[in-house]
Amino acid sequence: QVQLVESGGGLVQAGGSLRLSCAASGSTFSSYSMGWFRQAPGKEREFVAVISWSGGATDYADSVKGRFTISRENAKNTVYLQMNSLKPEDTAVYYCAADVDPRRGFYSGLYSYPPTYDYWGQGTQATVSS
C-alpha cells in the first residue's frame, strides 16, 4: 500500500507561483512513475504532468507547457510541481498519483489516463485570483 500526501496549495494572484509537493510512503517509490492531475469544479480530472521513475523523462499537458515543471527527489520519496505564471483557469484541486508498473503506463504512453495510476493522494487546492 502506498500513501500519497500533497501539500503546497493555496491562494495566489494571477501571474504568481506555487510549488506543490507530494510525499509518498514505502520503500519502492523510486520505481514508480508519478503523475499530477487536476480537477476543477464541474469538470473531469485532467492530466497535468508526468515524470519517469528516474526523473529522466517528463511530459506535460499543452495547457501548462512552459509554465509548470515536474521533478522528483527519490531520496526523499517526494515529487514536486512548480507552477509559474499561474492563470485563473489553473484553479483546481491538484492530485498526485503513482503508477507502480511503468511498463503498463508510462512506457506504453498511457500516462495521461487516470485509470493507469494505482494510488492517489487526497488533493490540494490551488486557487488563482484574477
Foldseek 3Di string as FASTA:
>chain_A
DKAKAKDWADEEAQQAKIKMKIAMDDDCLLQKKKFKWWDDPPGDIWGAKIAHSNRPDMDGDPVQPPFWDWGDDSVRRMIMIIGGSDDQVVWTWMKMFIQNDCVQDVVVPNVGDVVNTDDMYPTDTHGYHD
